[in-house]
Amino acid sequence: MTMKELVYKNRSYRRFYQDVPVTLDTLRELVDLGRMSASSLNLQPLKYILSNDTEKNALIFARVGWAGYLKDWPGPVDGERPSAYIIMLGDTQLSKHVGWDHGIAAQSILLGATEKGLGGCMIATIHREKLAESLGIDPRYEILLAIAIGKPREKVIVDQIAEDGDVKYWRDGQGIHHVPKRALNDIIIS
């Protein structure tokens, strides 16, 4: 798959084949892509918690928010939930501010997942105190993102933004997820 194909196929998937496992070795390979990504001042403050365990996944699932624009959708139902999660942390003893490191690393992780036939979703809506308590996360670590990982169970279509400029993603009557994107000519100024 070319880089362009990987980027175009890498969407935010929110429904998965929950019964398709993601191994710890696969999660480690994905985190290794994040580890090898650029880091501001090369401080490398990112740390990770890996989960492919049913009980641990359930704890994480209960403490994250899904699809803010879909007000009537509480998230994937049992059977459509992620098979795994990567919780991305910032080690405050290495750096008080992670800058953009977590975005770069998360994109590398998701591109790697796409290459493996998996998909995922970066989730920043997290009940951080509850998740830290549930997983026993040391206060030195700031919870940055939860990355849901699994075999995608939904179709995501990229649409051009309508004339009204609405950027909100939506689902049609068949459950197909639509994501409006600006046209290339609309984002290049000169």
Protein backbone atom coordinates (compact mmCIF):
# COMPACT_ATOMS: atom_id res chain seq x y z
CA MET A 1 0.00 0.00 0.00
CA THR A 2 1.39 3.44 -0.88
CA MET A 3 1.56 6.21 1.71
CA LYS A 4 -1.33 7.97 -0.04
CA GLU A 5 -3.43 4.81 0.10
CA LEU A 6 -2.63 4.35 3.81
CA VAL A 7 -3.58 7.94 4.65
CA TYR A 8 -6.79 7.80 2.61
CA LYS A 9 -7.81 4.47 4.18
CA ASN A 10 -6.93 5.57 7.72
CA ARG A 11 -10.22 6.88 9.08
CA SER A 12 -11.61 7.22 12.61
CA TYR A 13 -13.41 3.91 13.00
CA ARG A 14 -15.82 3.59 15.90
CA ARG A 15 -17.34 0.15 15.33
CA PHE A 16 -15.27 -3.03 15.22
CA TYR A 17 -15.47 -6.80 15.00
CA GLN A 18 -14.92 -7.22 18.73
CA ASP A 19 -14.33 -10.96 18.38
CA VAL A 20 -11.30 -10.43 16.09
CA PRO A 21 -8.35 -10.33 18.50
CA VAL A 22 -5.44 -7.91 18.40
CA THR A 23 -2.35 -9.49 19.95
CA LEU A 24 -0.02 -7.81 22.42
CA ASP A 25 2.76 -8.30 19.86
CA THR A 26 0.74 -6.29 17.35
CA LEU A 27 0.15 -3.53 19.92
CA ARG A 28 3.88 -3.49 20.71
CA GLU A 29 4.69 -3.19 16.97
CA LEU A 30 2.29 -0.25 16.70
CA VAL A 31 3.74 1.49 19.75
CA ASP A 32 7.20 0.97 18.25
CA LEU A 33 6.07 3.11 15.29
CA GLY A 34 5.09 5.82 17.78
CA ARG A 35 8.45 5.42 19.55
CA MET A 36 10.32 5.99 16.30
CA SER A 37 8.30 9.11 15.40
CA ALA A 38 9.53 12.66 15.86
CA SER A 39 9.59 14.08 19.39
CA SER A 40 9.90 17.74 20.36
CA LEU A 41 13.46 18.37 21.62
CA ASN A 42 13.79 14.56 21.40
CA LEU A 43 12.58 14.36 25.01
CA GLN A 44 10.47 11.27 24.24
CA PRO A 45 8.01 11.77 27.12
CA LEU A 46 5.35 9.39 25.79
CA LYS A 47 4.55 6.17 27.65
CA TYR A 48 1.88 3.60 26.83
CA ILE A 49 -0.53 1.20 28.49
CA LEU A 50 -1.58 -1.69 26.25
CA SER A 51 -4.83 -3.59 26.60
CA ASN A 52 -6.30 -6.50 24.69
CA ASP A 53 -7.88 -8.02 27.79
CA THR A 54 -11.69 -8.14 27.87
CA GLU A 55 -12.02 -6.88 31.45
CA LYS A 56 -9.44 -4.12 31.07
CA ASN A 57 -11.03 -3.08 27.75
CA ALA A 58 -14.41 -2.82 29.50
CA LEU A 59 -12.90 -0.52 32.15
CA ILE A 60 -11.41 1.70 29.45
CA PHE A 61 -14.58 1.68 27.32
CA ALA A 62 -16.68 2.92 30.27
CA ARG A 63 -14.35 5.89 30.73
CA VAL A 64 -14.13 7.29 27.19
CA GLY A 65 -16.55 9.27 25.05
CA TRP A 66 -17.51 8.33 21.50
CA ALA A 67 -18.38 10.54 18.51
CA GLY A 68 -19.33 13.91 19.98
CA TYR A 69 -21.25 14.98 16.87
CA LEU A 70 -23.51 11.92 17.06
CA LYS A 71 -25.57 13.12 20.03
CA ASP A 72 -27.95 10.13 20.08
CA TRP A 73 -25.21 7.50 19.85
CA PRO A 74 -23.62 6.40 23.13
CA GLY A 75 -20.88 4.45 21.39
CA PRO A 76 -20.45 0.97 19.98
CA VAL A 77 -22.66 -1.79 21.36
CA ASP A 78 -21.25 -4.99 22.81
CA GLY A 79 -19.86 -7.00 19.90
CA GLU A 80 -18.81 -3.81 18.06
CA ARG A 81 -16.34 -2.49 20.61
CA PRO A 82 -12.56 -2.31 20.11
CA SER A 83 -10.53 -5.48 20.64
CA ALA A 84 -7.68 -3.42 22.06
CA TYR A 85 -6.66 -0.02 23.34
CA ILE A 86 -3.43 1.90 23.56
CA ILE A 87 -3.53 4.51 26.32
CA MET A 88 -1.02 7.25 25.57
CA LEU A 89 0.54 8.99 28.56
CA GLY A 90 2.87 11.94 29.02
CA ASP A 91 5.62 11.40 31.57
CA THR A 92 5.68 14.72 33.44
CA GLN A 93 9.07 13.89 34.95
CA LEU A 94 10.55 13.96 31.45
CA SER A 95 8.58 16.97 30.18
CA LYS A 96 5.77 19.12 31.58
CA HIS A 97 4.35 19.63 28.07
CA VAL A 98 4.30 17.00 25.34
CA GLY A 99 3.61 19.57 22.62
CA TRP A 100 2.52 17.77 19.48
CA ASP A 101 4.34 14.50 20.17
CA HIS A 102 1.18 12.55 20.93
CA GLY A 103 -0.49 13.58 17.67
CA ILE A 104 2.52 12.53 15.61
CA ALA A 105 2.87 9.22 17.46
CA ALA A 106 -0.88 8.49 17.31
CA GLN A 107 -0.92 9.05 13.55
CA SER A 108 2.04 6.69 13.12
CA ILE A 109 0.26 4.07 15.25
CA LEU A 110 -2.95 4.37 13.24
CA LEU A 111 -1.16 4.23 9.89
CA GLY A 112 0.55 1.04 11.11
CA ALA A 113 -2.82 -0.38 12.17
CA THR A 114 -4.23 0.43 8.72
CA GLU A 115 -1.33 -1.33 7.05
CA LYS A 116 -2.15 -4.44 9.12
CA GLY A 117 -5.82 -4.41 8.05
CA LEU A 118 -6.92 -2.91 11.36
CA GLY A 119 -8.33 0.49 12.17
CA GLY A 120 -8.71 2.75 15.12
CA CYS A 121 -9.82 5.99 16.61
CA MET A 122 -7.99 8.61 18.67
CA ILE A 123 -10.16 9.45 21.66
CA ALA A 124 -9.47 12.57 23.72
CA THR A 125 -12.80 12.61 25.58
CA ILE A 126 -11.68 10.66 28.62
CA HIS A 127 -12.78 10.64 32.24
CA ARG A 128 -9.14 10.91 33.20
CA GLU A 129 -9.41 10.67 37.00
CA LYS A 130 -11.63 7.59 36.80
CA LEU A 131 -9.41 5.93 34.19
CA ALA A 132 -6.26 6.66 36.21
CA GLU A 133 -7.89 5.20 39.30
CA SER A 134 -9.23 2.13 37.45
CA LEU A 135 -5.88 1.33 35.83
CA GLY A 136 -3.70 2.38 38.77
CA ILE A 137 -1.87 5.03 36.75
CA ASP A 138 0.79 6.90 38.72
CA PRO A 139 0.01 10.65 38.98
CA ARG A 140 3.32 11.45 37.25
CA TYR A 141 1.66 10.32 33.99
CA GLU A 142 -0.80 12.61 32.23
CA ILE A 143 -3.42 10.71 30.23
CA LEU A 144 -3.29 12.18 26.71
CA LEU A 145 -5.26 9.86 24.42
CA ALA A 146 -6.98 6.53 24.27
CA ILE A 147 -6.51 4.86 20.89
CA ALA A 148 -9.15 2.25 20.12
CA ILE A 149 -7.83 -0.53 17.87
CA GLY A 150 -9.61 -3.37 16.08
CA LYS A 151 -10.87 -4.78 12.81
CA PRO A 152 -13.21 -2.07 11.40
CA ARG A 153 -16.88 -3.05 11.17
CA GLU A 154 -18.10 0.11 9.52
CA LYS A 155 -17.73 1.91 6.25
CA VAL A 156 -16.45 5.47 6.37
CA ILE A 157 -16.93 7.73 3.36
CA VAL A 158 -15.18 11.05 2.85
CA ASP A 159 -17.50 13.71 1.38
CA GLN A 160 -16.74 17.21 0.20
CA ILE A 161 -17.95 19.87 2.64
CA ALA A 162 -21.31 21.25 1.61
CA GLU A 163 -21.79 24.92 0.71
CA ASP A 164 -22.96 25.68 4.26
CA GLY A 165 -19.45 24.76 5.52
CA ASP A 166 -20.68 22.17 8.05
CA VAL A 167 -17.77 19.95 9.16
CA LYS A 168 -19.82 17.62 11.40
CA TYR A 169 -19.56 13.93 10.57
CA TRP A 170 -22.81 11.99 10.39
CA ARG A 171 -24.35 8.57 9.73
CA ASP A 172 -26.84 7.83 6.99
CA GLY A 173 -29.83 5.47 7.21
CA GLN A 174 -27.62 2.47 6.39
CA GLY A 175 -25.21 3.30 9.22
CA ILE A 176 -22.48 4.49 6.85
CA HIS A 177 -20.28 7.10 8.52
CA HIS A 178 -19.73 10.27 6.44
CA VAL A 179 -16.86 12.68 7.08
CA PRO A 180 -16.88 16.06 5.29
CA LYS A 181 -13.46 17.29 4.16
CA ARG A 182 -12.47 20.62 2.67
CA ALA A 183 -11.33 20.58 -0.97
CA LEU A 184 -7.59 20.83 -1.59
CA ASN A 185 -7.99 24.16 -3.40
CA ASP A 186 -9.89 25.54 -0.39
CA ILE A 187 -6.97 25.00 1.98
CA ILE A 188 -4.08 26.23 -0.18
CA ILE A 189 -3.87 29.99 0.16
CA SER A 190 -1.22 30.72 -2.47
